[in-house]
Amino acid sequence: MESESIIYIMQTIDPYQIPSRHLHQLLLGAIAPRPVALASTIDLAGKPNLSPFSYFNVFGVNPTTLIFSPSRRGRDNTLKDTFLNVKEVPEVVINVVTFDMVRQASLAGTEYPRGTNEFIKSGFTQIPSEKIRPFRVKESPVQIECKVRRIIETGKGGGAANLIICEVALIHINEDISDESGLIDPDKINLVGRMGGNYYVKASGSAVFTVPKPGDKMSLGIDALPEKVRMSGILTGNELARLGSMEDFPSAVEVAAFAKSDIVRQMHIKYAGEPEMLNEQVHLMAREMISKGEVNEAMKLLLAV
C-alpha cells in the first residue's frame, strides 16, 4: 500500500518504438535476478560446446520441463552454437552456476569460433554423462541431463528467442550442498543470479529470506483489515500483507485483554489529548512487532487502541 504523500512518476514505453538493444537492457534490468544455466551441448562430430544463458527456468515436474533460450544475436542476427548443436543432437546438460565458478561461466560465454571447446577455454572439467552425449561440468554442484523435447523459434529477426524445451533424464547433486532434511541449502550451494548489464547477485547469506506460503486455510487479505489499519501512512504494503496473511482476527476477549495491558495503558497516558500522535505511535509499535515476527500481537495492538 502506498502513502498518499508519495508521488510516482512513471515512464511509459512502447517496445516497438525504441531500439531493440535499449529494450533488451531495460527488460534485463527489470526482470531479475534470473537463474543461470551453463548449457553443455555437442555437435554431430562429437565436439563439445559450453555456454551460459540467463533466459532460463524450470516450468513443471510432470513431466519435468526446463526451458532456456539461446536467442538470435541482436547485432547481426546470427545463431549461437548451442542452438545449432541441439538441432543436430537434441540433448543438453544444464549445469547450475555458483559464486565460486561464475567468472569461469562468464568466460565460457565468449563467442569463440564454432568448434572451440569452451570447457578448455574456461578451465572447467568435462565428465561423461550417463544417459546423454553432452558432457557435464564437474565443478557444478548440480548437473541435469536433459532430452530436448521441442524447439520453438519465436521469430527470424535479431534478438528473437529460441525456446529449448527440455525434459530431465537424470540429475546429479553434490551431497555437500544438502541440509539435514536432504533438500538443497541455499548457503551451501551459493548460487548466483543474473541482473542487468554486468551485474550479478549472490543467492545466499543475508540476500536470502523466507516468506511463508499461504496455508490451506483462507487468509484474511488486506481488504479485510480495518480501514484505519489498511490506510495507514506508516505500515508498508509488505507489513499489511503480513497482517492480511493471518487466517483470522484475534478474538474479542484477546483484544479486550490486550487493551488493559501496561503497553496500551501507558500509551494512553503519554498521548492523552493527542489522538493523531497516539495513532502514529501505535502504528510504529505495530511495525516493530511485525519486524520481530509478532504479527498476532501487532494485530491485537492495532485493534485494541
C-alpha atoms as a PDB file:
ATOM      1  CA  MET A   1       0.000   0.000   0.000  1.00  0.00           C
ATOM      2  CA  GLU A   2       1.329   3.453  -0.771  1.00  0.00           C
ATOM      3  CA  SER A   3       1.236   6.522   1.387  1.00  0.00           C
ATOM      4  CA  GLU A   4      -0.839   9.381  -0.006  1.00  0.00           C
ATOM      5  CA  SER A   5       2.233  11.626   0.241  1.00  0.00           C
ATOM      6  CA  ILE A   6       4.219   9.559  -2.261  1.00  0.00           C
ATOM      7  CA  ILE A   7       4.088  10.639  -5.901  1.00  0.00           C
ATOM      8  CA  TYR A   8       5.270   8.167  -8.527  1.00  0.00           C
ATOM      9  CA  ILE A   9       6.491   9.397 -11.911  1.00  0.00           C
ATOM     10  CA  MET A  10       6.193   6.557 -14.408  1.00  0.00           C
ATOM     11  CA  GLN A  11       7.812   6.377 -17.819  1.00  0.00           C
ATOM     12  CA  THR A  12       5.663   4.591 -20.401  1.00  0.00           C
ATOM     13  CA  ILE A  13       7.500   2.818 -23.206  1.00  0.00           C
ATOM     14  CA  ASP A  14       6.186   1.299 -26.423  1.00  0.00           C
ATOM     15  CA  PRO A  15       8.517  -1.684 -27.079  1.00  0.00           C
ATOM     16  CA  TYR A  16       8.111  -1.208 -30.841  1.00  0.00           C
ATOM     17  CA  GLN A  17       9.206   2.424 -30.733  1.00  0.00           C
ATOM     18  CA  ILE A  18      12.663   2.093 -29.150  1.00  0.00           C
ATOM     19  CA  PRO A  19      15.853   0.359 -30.386  1.00  0.00           C
ATOM     20  CA  SER A  20      15.866  -3.345 -29.565  1.00  0.00           C
ATOM     21  CA  ARG A  21      19.215  -3.024 -27.782  1.00  0.00           C
ATOM     22  CA  HIS A  22      17.785  -0.450 -25.357  1.00  0.00           C
ATOM     23  CA  LEU A  23      14.638  -2.555 -24.873  1.00  0.00           C
ATOM     24  CA  HIS A  24      16.834  -5.563 -24.129  1.00  0.00           C
ATOM     25  CA  GLN A  25      18.763  -3.649 -21.467  1.00  0.00           C
ATOM     26  CA  LEU A  26      15.583  -2.354 -19.822  1.00  0.00           C
ATOM     27  CA  LEU A  27      13.949  -5.784 -19.651  1.00  0.00           C
ATOM     28  CA  LEU A  28      17.039  -7.500 -18.261  1.00  0.00           C
ATOM     29  CA  GLY A  29      17.364  -4.802 -15.612  1.00  0.00           C
ATOM     30  CA  ALA A  30      13.716  -5.147 -14.618  1.00  0.00           C
ATOM     31  CA  ILE A  31      13.243  -8.914 -14.812  1.00  0.00           C
ATOM     32  CA  ALA A  32      15.917 -10.062 -12.393  1.00  0.00           C
ATOM     33  CA  PRO A  33      17.563 -11.893 -10.806  1.00  0.00           C
ATOM     34  CA  ARG A  34      17.474 -14.738 -13.310  1.00  0.00           C
ATOM     35  CA  PRO A  35      18.981 -18.191 -12.721  1.00  0.00           C
ATOM     36  CA  VAL A  36      21.909 -19.091 -14.935  1.00  0.00           C
ATOM     37  CA  ALA A  37      22.073 -22.283 -17.000  1.00  0.00           C
ATOM     38  CA  LEU A  38      25.555 -23.332 -18.032  1.00  0.00           C
ATOM     39  CA  ALA A  39      24.452 -25.386 -21.038  1.00  0.00           C
ATOM     40  CA  SER A  40      26.643 -28.183 -22.349  1.00  0.00           C
ATOM     41  CA  THR A  41      25.882 -29.442 -25.849  1.00  0.00           C
ATOM     42  CA  ILE A  42      27.619 -31.437 -28.569  1.00  0.00           C
ATOM     43  CA  ASP A  43      27.545 -31.436 -32.375  1.00  0.00           C
ATOM     44  CA  LEU A  44      27.282 -34.410 -34.727  1.00  0.00           C
ATOM     45  CA  ALA A  45      31.067 -34.601 -34.959  1.00  0.00           C
ATOM     46  CA  GLY A  46      31.292 -35.007 -31.173  1.00  0.00           C
ATOM     47  CA  LYS A  47      32.732 -31.557 -30.485  1.00  0.00           C
ATOM     48  CA  PRO A  48      31.543 -30.163 -27.116  1.00  0.00           C
ATOM     49  CA  ASN A  49      30.257 -26.651 -26.502  1.00  0.00           C
ATOM     50  CA  LEU A  50      29.632 -24.827 -23.231  1.00  0.00           C
ATOM     51  CA  SER A  51      27.816 -21.513 -22.782  1.00  0.00           C
ATOM     52  CA  PRO A  52      25.831 -19.659 -20.041  1.00  0.00           C
ATOM     53  CA  PHE A  53      22.236 -18.493 -20.512  1.00  0.00           C
ATOM     54  CA  SER A  54      20.074 -16.473 -18.137  1.00  0.00           C
ATOM     55  CA  TYR A  55      16.953 -16.849 -20.264  1.00  0.00           C
ATOM     56  CA  PHE A  56      16.283 -19.969 -18.228  1.00  0.00           C
ATOM     57  CA  ASN A  57      13.964 -21.528 -15.648  1.00  0.00           C
ATOM     58  CA  VAL A  58      12.050 -24.635 -14.568  1.00  0.00           C
ATOM     59  CA  PHE A  59       8.367 -24.756 -15.520  1.00  0.00           C
ATOM     60  CA  GLY A  60       6.979 -28.083 -14.313  1.00  0.00           C
ATOM     61  CA  VAL A  61       7.786 -31.506 -12.919  1.00  0.00           C
ATOM     62  CA  ASN A  62       5.233 -33.848 -14.515  1.00  0.00           C
ATOM     63  CA  PRO A  63       6.831 -34.132 -16.976  1.00  0.00           C
ATOM     64  CA  THR A  64       9.886 -32.220 -15.856  1.00  0.00           C
ATOM     65  CA  THR A  65      10.223 -29.127 -18.010  1.00  0.00           C
ATOM     66  CA  LEU A  66      13.243 -26.827 -18.195  1.00  0.00           C
ATOM     67  CA  ILE A  67      13.396 -24.086 -20.803  1.00  0.00           C
ATOM     68  CA  PHE A  68      16.320 -21.930 -21.859  1.00  0.00           C
ATOM     69  CA  SER A  69      16.806 -19.685 -24.856  1.00  0.00           C
ATOM     70  CA  PRO A  70      19.952 -19.213 -26.955  1.00  0.00           C
ATOM     71  CA  SER A  71      18.424 -16.237 -28.731  1.00  0.00           C
ATOM     72  CA  ARG A  72      19.464 -14.890 -32.094  1.00  0.00           C
ATOM     73  CA  ARG A  73      22.238 -12.329 -31.764  1.00  0.00           C
ATOM     74  CA  GLY A  74      20.831  -8.813 -31.846  1.00  0.00           C
ATOM     75  CA  ARG A  75      23.712  -7.197 -33.657  1.00  0.00           C
ATOM     76  CA  ASP A  76      23.886  -9.473 -36.715  1.00  0.00           C
ATOM     77  CA  ASN A  77      21.010 -11.985 -36.373  1.00  0.00           C
ATOM     78  CA  THR A  78      23.357 -14.989 -36.285  1.00  0.00           C
ATOM     79  CA  LEU A  79      22.597 -18.217 -34.418  1.00  0.00           C
ATOM     80  CA  LYS A  80      24.550 -19.448 -31.409  1.00  0.00           C
ATOM     81  CA  ASP A  81      26.471 -22.717 -31.415  1.00  0.00           C
ATOM     82  CA  THR A  82      24.300 -24.056 -28.577  1.00  0.00           C
ATOM     83  CA  PHE A  83      21.187 -23.669 -30.726  1.00  0.00           C
ATOM     84  CA  LEU A  84      22.841 -25.252 -33.761  1.00  0.00           C
ATOM     85  CA  ASN A  85      24.062 -28.157 -31.630  1.00  0.00           C
ATOM     86  CA  VAL A  86      20.686 -29.038 -30.098  1.00  0.00           C
ATOM     87  CA  LYS A  87      19.214 -29.016 -33.609  1.00  0.00           C
ATOM     88  CA  GLU A  88      21.793 -31.674 -34.542  1.00  0.00           C
ATOM     89  CA  VAL A  89      21.905 -33.567 -31.245  1.00  0.00           C
ATOM     90  CA  PRO A  90      18.736 -32.849 -29.168  1.00  0.00           C
ATOM     91  CA  GLU A  91      20.365 -33.269 -25.771  1.00  0.00           C
ATOM     92  CA  VAL A  92      21.821 -30.836 -23.217  1.00  0.00           C
ATOM     93  CA  VAL A  93      23.285 -30.780 -19.711  1.00  0.00           C
ATOM     94  CA  ILE A  94      22.110 -27.869 -17.581  1.00  0.00           C
ATOM     95  CA  ASN A  95      24.825 -27.146 -15.022  1.00  0.00           C
ATOM     96  CA  VAL A  96      23.941 -24.661 -12.253  1.00  0.00           C
ATOM     97  CA  VAL A  97      26.303 -21.743 -11.660  1.00  0.00           C
ATOM     98  CA  THR A  98      27.644 -20.919  -8.200  1.00  0.00           C
ATOM     99  CA  PHE A  99      29.594 -17.915  -6.953  1.00  0.00           C
ATOM    100  CA  ASP A 100      32.810 -19.949  -6.968  1.00  0.00           C
ATOM    101  CA  MET A 101      32.522 -20.629 -10.705  1.00  0.00           C
ATOM    102  CA  VAL A 102      30.686 -17.553 -12.020  1.00  0.00           C
ATOM    103  CA  ARG A 103      33.699 -15.935 -13.701  1.00  0.00           C
ATOM    104  CA  GLN A 104      34.600 -19.168 -15.457  1.00  0.00           C
ATOM    105  CA  ALA A 105      30.998 -19.488 -16.605  1.00  0.00           C
ATOM    106  CA  SER A 106      31.094 -15.933 -17.952  1.00  0.00           C
ATOM    107  CA  LEU A 107      34.334 -16.720 -19.793  1.00  0.00           C
ATOM    108  CA  ALA A 108      32.623 -19.706 -21.418  1.00  0.00           C
ATOM    109  CA  GLY A 109      30.174 -17.208 -22.936  1.00  0.00           C
ATOM    110  CA  THR A 110      32.919 -15.738 -25.113  1.00  0.00           C
ATOM    111  CA  GLU A 111      31.949 -16.054 -28.777  1.00  0.00           C
ATOM    112  CA  TYR A 112      34.766 -18.304 -29.853  1.00  0.00           C
ATOM    113  CA  PRO A 113      34.733 -19.777 -33.390  1.00  0.00           C
ATOM    114  CA  ARG A 114      32.399 -22.736 -33.915  1.00  0.00           C
ATOM    115  CA  GLY A 115      34.023 -25.981 -32.833  1.00  0.00           C
ATOM    116  CA  THR A 116      36.008 -24.404 -29.970  1.00  0.00           C
ATOM    117  CA  ASN A 117      35.877 -26.391 -26.728  1.00  0.00           C
ATOM    118  CA  GLU A 118      34.785 -23.887 -24.059  1.00  0.00           C
ATOM    119  CA  PHE A 119      35.480 -26.452 -21.338  1.00  0.00           C
ATOM    120  CA  ILE A 120      39.159 -25.977 -22.117  1.00  0.00           C
ATOM    121  CA  LYS A 121      38.922 -22.203 -22.631  1.00  0.00           C
ATOM    122  CA  SER A 122      37.152 -21.636 -19.295  1.00  0.00           C
ATOM    123  CA  GLY A 123      39.104 -24.216 -17.303  1.00  0.00           C
ATOM    124  CA  PHE A 124      36.145 -26.439 -16.463  1.00  0.00           C
ATOM    125  CA  THR A 125      36.440 -30.205 -16.226  1.00  0.00           C
ATOM    126  CA  GLN A 126      34.274 -32.203 -18.628  1.00  0.00           C
ATOM    127  CA  ILE A 127      32.968 -35.533 -17.349  1.00  0.00           C
ATOM    128  CA  PRO A 128      30.759 -38.055 -19.181  1.00  0.00           C
ATOM    129  CA  SER A 129      27.014 -38.042 -18.748  1.00  0.00           C
ATOM    130  CA  GLU A 130      25.183 -41.285 -18.123  1.00  0.00           C
ATOM    131  CA  LYS A 131      22.117 -41.033 -20.374  1.00  0.00           C
ATOM    132  CA  ILE A 132      23.050 -38.429 -22.986  1.00  0.00           C
ATOM    133  CA  ARG A 133      26.052 -37.477 -25.109  1.00  0.00           C
ATOM    134  CA  PRO A 134      26.952 -33.923 -23.940  1.00  0.00           C
ATOM    135  CA  PHE A 135      29.423 -33.685 -21.073  1.00  0.00           C
ATOM    136  CA  ARG A 136      28.745 -32.498 -17.534  1.00  0.00           C
ATOM    137  CA  VAL A 137      30.685 -29.771 -15.718  1.00  0.00           C
ATOM    138  CA  LYS A 138      32.434 -31.426 -12.785  1.00  0.00           C
ATOM    139  CA  GLU A 139      32.705 -28.160 -10.824  1.00  0.00           C
ATOM    140  CA  SER A 140      28.937 -27.570 -10.824  1.00  0.00           C
ATOM    141  CA  PRO A 141      27.172 -28.975  -7.728  1.00  0.00           C
ATOM    142  CA  VAL A 142      24.012 -29.789  -9.716  1.00  0.00           C
ATOM    143  CA  GLN A 143      24.202 -31.260 -13.210  1.00  0.00           C
ATOM    144  CA  ILE A 144      20.948 -32.022 -15.027  1.00  0.00           C
ATOM    145  CA  GLU A 145      20.985 -34.321 -18.038  1.00  0.00           C
ATOM    146  CA  CYS A 146      18.150 -33.390 -20.406  1.00  0.00           C
ATOM    147  CA  LYS A 147      16.490 -34.561 -23.590  1.00  0.00           C
ATOM    148  CA  VAL A 148      15.261 -31.768 -25.853  1.00  0.00           C
ATOM    149  CA  ARG A 149      11.525 -32.297 -26.396  1.00  0.00           C
ATOM    150  CA  ARG A 150      10.773 -29.311 -28.570  1.00  0.00           C
ATOM    151  CA  ILE A 151      12.349 -26.207 -30.073  1.00  0.00           C
ATOM    152  CA  ILE A 152      10.259 -23.087 -30.650  1.00  0.00           C
ATOM    153  CA  GLU A 153      11.689 -20.319 -32.819  1.00  0.00           C
ATOM    154  CA  THR A 154       9.705 -17.198 -31.931  1.00  0.00           C
ATOM    155  CA  GLY A 155      10.977 -15.128 -34.839  1.00  0.00           C
ATOM    156  CA  LYS A 156      13.618 -14.708 -37.527  1.00  0.00           C
ATOM    157  CA  GLY A 157      14.914 -11.267 -36.592  1.00  0.00           C
ATOM    158  CA  GLY A 158      17.842 -10.286 -34.390  1.00  0.00           C
ATOM    159  CA  GLY A 159      17.084 -10.828 -30.705  1.00  0.00           C
ATOM    160  CA  ALA A 160      14.320 -13.365 -31.348  1.00  0.00           C
ATOM    161  CA  ALA A 161      14.062 -16.140 -28.777  1.00  0.00           C
ATOM    162  CA  ASN A 162      14.715 -19.811 -29.497  1.00  0.00           C
ATOM    163  CA  LEU A 163      12.981 -21.750 -26.742  1.00  0.00           C
ATOM    164  CA  ILE A 164      14.678 -25.054 -25.988  1.00  0.00           C
ATOM    165  CA  ILE A 165      12.124 -27.139 -24.081  1.00  0.00           C
ATOM    166  CA  CYS A 166      13.868 -29.910 -22.162  1.00  0.00           C
ATOM    167  CA  GLU A 167      12.815 -32.952 -20.164  1.00  0.00           C
ATOM    168  CA  VAL A 168      15.071 -34.120 -17.339  1.00  0.00           C
ATOM    169  CA  ALA A 169      16.619 -37.549 -17.860  1.00  0.00           C
ATOM    170  CA  LEU A 170      18.922 -37.624 -14.814  1.00  0.00           C
ATOM    171  CA  ILE A 171      20.002 -35.273 -12.015  1.00  0.00           C
ATOM    172  CA  HIS A 172      23.384 -35.318 -10.260  1.00  0.00           C
ATOM    173  CA  ILE A 173      23.604 -33.453  -6.925  1.00  0.00           C
ATOM    174  CA  ASN A 174      26.692 -32.985  -4.770  1.00  0.00           C
ATOM    175  CA  GLU A 175      25.765 -34.237  -1.295  1.00  0.00           C
ATOM    176  CA  ASP A 176      27.781 -31.428   0.312  1.00  0.00           C
ATOM    177  CA  ILE A 177      25.088 -28.878  -0.581  1.00  0.00           C
ATOM    178  CA  SER A 178      22.221 -30.676   1.197  1.00  0.00           C
ATOM    179  CA  ASP A 179      20.688 -29.722   4.536  1.00  0.00           C
ATOM    180  CA  GLU A 180      19.608 -32.150   7.274  1.00  0.00           C
ATOM    181  CA  SER A 181      16.309 -32.863   5.522  1.00  0.00           C
ATOM    182  CA  GLY A 182      18.038 -33.761   2.272  1.00  0.00           C
ATOM    183  CA  LEU A 183      16.993 -30.569   0.467  1.00  0.00           C
ATOM    184  CA  ILE A 184      19.401 -28.048  -1.029  1.00  0.00           C
ATOM    185  CA  ASP A 185      20.739 -25.478   1.439  1.00  0.00           C
ATOM    186  CA  PRO A 186      20.951 -22.029  -0.254  1.00  0.00           C
ATOM    187  CA  ASP A 187      24.038 -21.075   1.743  1.00  0.00           C
ATOM    188  CA  LYS A 188      25.856 -24.284   0.835  1.00  0.00           C
ATOM    189  CA  ILE A 189      25.068 -24.191  -2.881  1.00  0.00           C
ATOM    190  CA  ASN A 190      25.758 -20.424  -3.070  1.00  0.00           C
ATOM    191  CA  LEU A 191      24.103 -19.827  -6.434  1.00  0.00           C
ATOM    192  CA  VAL A 192      24.285 -16.593  -8.389  1.00  0.00           C
ATOM    193  CA  GLY A 193      21.572 -14.755 -10.298  1.00  0.00           C
ATOM    194  CA  ARG A 194      21.930 -12.591 -13.371  1.00  0.00           C
ATOM    195  CA  MET A 195      20.871  -8.946 -13.238  1.00  0.00           C
ATOM    196  CA  GLY A 196      21.017  -6.293 -15.960  1.00  0.00           C
ATOM    197  CA  GLY A 197      24.278  -5.169 -17.543  1.00  0.00           C
ATOM    198  CA  ASN A 198      27.296  -6.674 -15.825  1.00  0.00           C
ATOM    199  CA  TYR A 199      25.501  -7.148 -12.512  1.00  0.00           C
ATOM    200  CA  TYR A 200      25.032 -10.452 -10.690  1.00  0.00           C
ATOM    201  CA  VAL A 201      23.660 -11.259  -7.233  1.00  0.00           C
ATOM    202  CA  LYS A 202      24.637 -13.914  -4.693  1.00  0.00           C
ATOM    203  CA  ALA A 203      21.648 -16.044  -3.706  1.00  0.00           C
ATOM    204  CA  SER A 204      22.925 -16.829  -0.215  1.00  0.00           C
ATOM    205  CA  GLY A 205      23.676 -15.264   3.159  1.00  0.00           C
ATOM    206  CA  SER A 206      21.782 -12.083   4.022  1.00  0.00           C
ATOM    207  CA  ALA A 207      20.339 -11.963   0.488  1.00  0.00           C
ATOM    208  CA  VAL A 208      18.156 -14.987   1.311  1.00  0.00           C
ATOM    209  CA  PHE A 209      14.971 -14.593   3.357  1.00  0.00           C
ATOM    210  CA  THR A 210      11.793 -16.579   3.876  1.00  0.00           C
ATOM    211  CA  VAL A 211       8.177 -15.715   3.050  1.00  0.00           C
ATOM    212  CA  PRO A 212       5.812 -18.436   4.306  1.00  0.00           C
ATOM    213  CA  LYS A 213       3.334 -19.580   1.670  1.00  0.00           C
ATOM    214  CA  PRO A 214      -0.348 -19.117   2.489  1.00  0.00           C
ATOM    215  CA  GLY A 215      -1.681 -22.202   4.242  1.00  0.00           C
ATOM    216  CA  ASP A 216      -4.544 -24.434   3.181  1.00  0.00           C
ATOM    217  CA  LYS A 217      -6.935 -22.184   5.096  1.00  0.00           C
ATOM    218  CA  MET A 218      -8.040 -18.861   3.615  1.00  0.00           C
ATOM    219  CA  SER A 219      -6.025 -15.793   4.626  1.00  0.00           C
ATOM    220  CA  LEU A 220      -7.842 -12.625   5.685  1.00  0.00           C
ATOM    221  CA  GLY A 221      -6.446 -10.441   2.905  1.00  0.00           C
ATOM    222  CA  ILE A 222      -5.517  -6.772   3.212  1.00  0.00           C
ATOM    223  CA  ASP A 223      -9.037  -5.726   2.231  1.00  0.00           C
ATOM    224  CA  ALA A 224     -10.407  -7.331   5.439  1.00  0.00           C
ATOM    225  CA  LEU A 225      -8.268  -5.145   7.696  1.00  0.00           C
ATOM    226  CA  PRO A 226      -9.959  -2.198   9.473  1.00  0.00           C
ATOM    227  CA  GLU A 227      -9.779   0.978   7.423  1.00  0.00           C
ATOM    228  CA  LYS A 228      -7.599   2.751   9.999  1.00  0.00           C
ATOM    229  CA  VAL A 229      -5.050  -0.055   9.553  1.00  0.00           C
ATOM    230  CA  ARG A 230      -5.467  -0.533   5.816  1.00  0.00           C
ATOM    231  CA  MET A 231      -4.986   3.169   5.102  1.00  0.00           C
ATOM    232  CA  SER A 232      -2.030   3.550   7.417  1.00  0.00           C
ATOM    233  CA  GLY A 233       0.562   6.016   6.228  1.00  0.00           C
ATOM    234  CA  ILE A 234       3.194   4.173   8.273  1.00  0.00           C
ATOM    235  CA  LEU A 235       2.718   0.463   7.637  1.00  0.00           C
ATOM    236  CA  THR A 236       4.085  -0.642   4.279  1.00  0.00           C
ATOM    237  CA  GLY A 237       2.385  -2.953   1.806  1.00  0.00           C
ATOM    238  CA  ASN A 238       4.613  -5.815   2.945  1.00  0.00           C
ATOM    239  CA  GLU A 239       3.685  -5.205   6.584  1.00  0.00           C
ATOM    240  CA  LEU A 240      -0.022  -5.010   5.791  1.00  0.00           C
ATOM    241  CA  ALA A 241       0.340  -8.245   3.819  1.00  0.00           C
ATOM    242  CA  ARG A 242       1.743  -9.970   6.911  1.00  0.00           C
ATOM    243  CA  LEU A 243      -1.334  -8.884   8.828  1.00  0.00           C
ATOM    244  CA  GLY A 244      -3.541  -9.917   5.921  1.00  0.00           C
ATOM    245  CA  SER A 245      -1.876 -13.346   5.842  1.00  0.00           C
ATOM    246  CA  MET A 246      -3.410 -14.204   9.200  1.00  0.00           C
ATOM    247  CA  GLU A 247      -6.208 -16.763   8.980  1.00  0.00           C
ATOM    248  CA  ASP A 248      -8.423 -14.899  11.466  1.00  0.00           C
ATOM    249  CA  PHE A 249      -8.506 -11.899  13.763  1.00  0.00           C
ATOM    250  CA  PRO A 250      -7.690 -12.278  17.469  1.00  0.00           C
ATOM    251  CA  SER A 251     -10.821 -12.929  19.477  1.00  0.00           C
ATOM    252  CA  ALA A 252     -12.724 -10.075  21.146  1.00  0.00           C
ATOM    253  CA  VAL A 253     -11.624 -11.464  24.509  1.00  0.00           C
ATOM    254  CA  GLU A 254      -7.938 -11.352  23.474  1.00  0.00           C
ATOM    255  CA  VAL A 255      -8.244  -7.805  22.162  1.00  0.00           C
ATOM    256  CA  ALA A 256     -10.054  -6.644  25.321  1.00  0.00           C
ATOM    257  CA  ALA A 257      -7.328  -8.176  27.483  1.00  0.00           C
ATOM    258  CA  PHE A 258      -4.614  -6.506  25.421  1.00  0.00           C
ATOM    259  CA  ALA A 259      -6.433  -3.159  25.750  1.00  0.00           C
ATOM    260  CA  LYS A 260      -5.892  -3.407  29.521  1.00  0.00           C
ATOM    261  CA  SER A 261      -2.167  -4.181  29.203  1.00  0.00           C
ATOM    262  CA  ASP A 262       0.549  -1.850  30.505  1.00  0.00           C
ATOM    263  CA  ILE A 263       1.665  -1.107  26.955  1.00  0.00           C
ATOM    264  CA  VAL A 264      -1.713   0.310  25.928  1.00  0.00           C
ATOM    265  CA  ARG A 265      -2.369   1.992  29.289  1.00  0.00           C
ATOM    266  CA  GLN A 266       0.969   3.846  29.191  1.00  0.00           C
ATOM    267  CA  MET A 267       0.402   4.968  25.601  1.00  0.00           C
ATOM    268  CA  HIS A 268      -2.988   6.420  26.509  1.00  0.00           C
ATOM    269  CA  ILE A 269      -1.445   8.301  29.434  1.00  0.00           C
ATOM    270  CA  LYS A 270       1.503   9.622  27.420  1.00  0.00           C
ATOM    271  CA  TYR A 271      -0.549  10.800  24.470  1.00  0.00           C
ATOM    272  CA  ALA A 272      -3.752  11.860  26.237  1.00  0.00           C
ATOM    273  CA  GLY A 273      -5.494  14.523  24.187  1.00  0.00           C
ATOM    274  CA  GLU A 274      -3.257  13.833  21.147  1.00  0.00           C
ATOM    275  CA  PRO A 275      -5.169  11.246  19.096  1.00  0.00           C
ATOM    276  CA  GLU A 276      -3.073  11.696  15.949  1.00  0.00           C
ATOM    277  CA  MET A 277       0.174  11.196  17.874  1.00  0.00           C
ATOM    278  CA  LEU A 278      -1.312   8.184  19.650  1.00  0.00           C
ATOM    279  CA  ASN A 279      -2.317   6.630  16.336  1.00  0.00           C
ATOM    280  CA  GLU A 280       1.159   7.246  14.899  1.00  0.00           C
ATOM    281  CA  GLN A 281       2.893   5.628  17.874  1.00  0.00           C
ATOM    282  CA  VAL A 282       0.541   2.633  17.773  1.00  0.00           C
ATOM    283  CA  HIS A 283       1.384   2.033  14.107  1.00  0.00           C
ATOM    284  CA  LEU A 284       5.106   2.479  14.742  1.00  0.00           C
ATOM    285  CA  MET A 285       4.978  -0.034  17.585  1.00  0.00           C
ATOM    286  CA  ALA A 286       2.945  -2.435  15.421  1.00  0.00           C
ATOM    287  CA  ARG A 287       5.593  -2.135  12.737  1.00  0.00           C
ATOM    288  CA  GLU A 288       8.300  -3.059  15.246  1.00  0.00           C
ATOM    289  CA  MET A 289       6.273  -6.068  16.421  1.00  0.00           C
ATOM    290  CA  ILE A 290       5.771  -7.256  12.848  1.00  0.00           C
ATOM    291  CA  SER A 291       9.519  -6.986  12.192  1.00  0.00           C
ATOM    292  CA  LYS A 292      10.077  -9.340  15.134  1.00  0.00           C
ATOM    293  CA  GLY A 293       7.518 -11.815  13.838  1.00  0.00           C
ATOM    294  CA  GLU A 294       4.944 -10.881  16.492  1.00  0.00           C
ATOM    295  CA  VAL A 295       2.173 -10.450  13.940  1.00  0.00           C
ATOM    296  CA  ASN A 296      -0.677 -11.589  16.196  1.00  0.00           C
ATOM    297  CA  GLU A 297       0.444  -9.177  18.913  1.00  0.00           C
ATOM    298  CA  ALA A 298       0.637  -6.358  16.396  1.00  0.00           C
ATOM    299  CA  MET A 299      -2.918  -7.063  15.292  1.00  0.00           C
ATOM    300  CA  LYS A 300      -4.104  -7.010  18.905  1.00  0.00           C
ATOM    301  CA  LEU A 301      -2.443  -3.653  19.429  1.00  0.00           C
ATOM    302  CA  LEU A 302      -3.966  -2.158  16.292  1.00  0.00           C
ATOM    303  CA  LEU A 303      -7.437  -3.381  17.256  1.00  0.00           C
ATOM    304  CA  ALA A 304      -7.134  -2.516  20.944  1.00  0.00           C
ATOM    305  CA  VAL A 305      -6.294   1.196  20.666  1.00  0.00           C
END
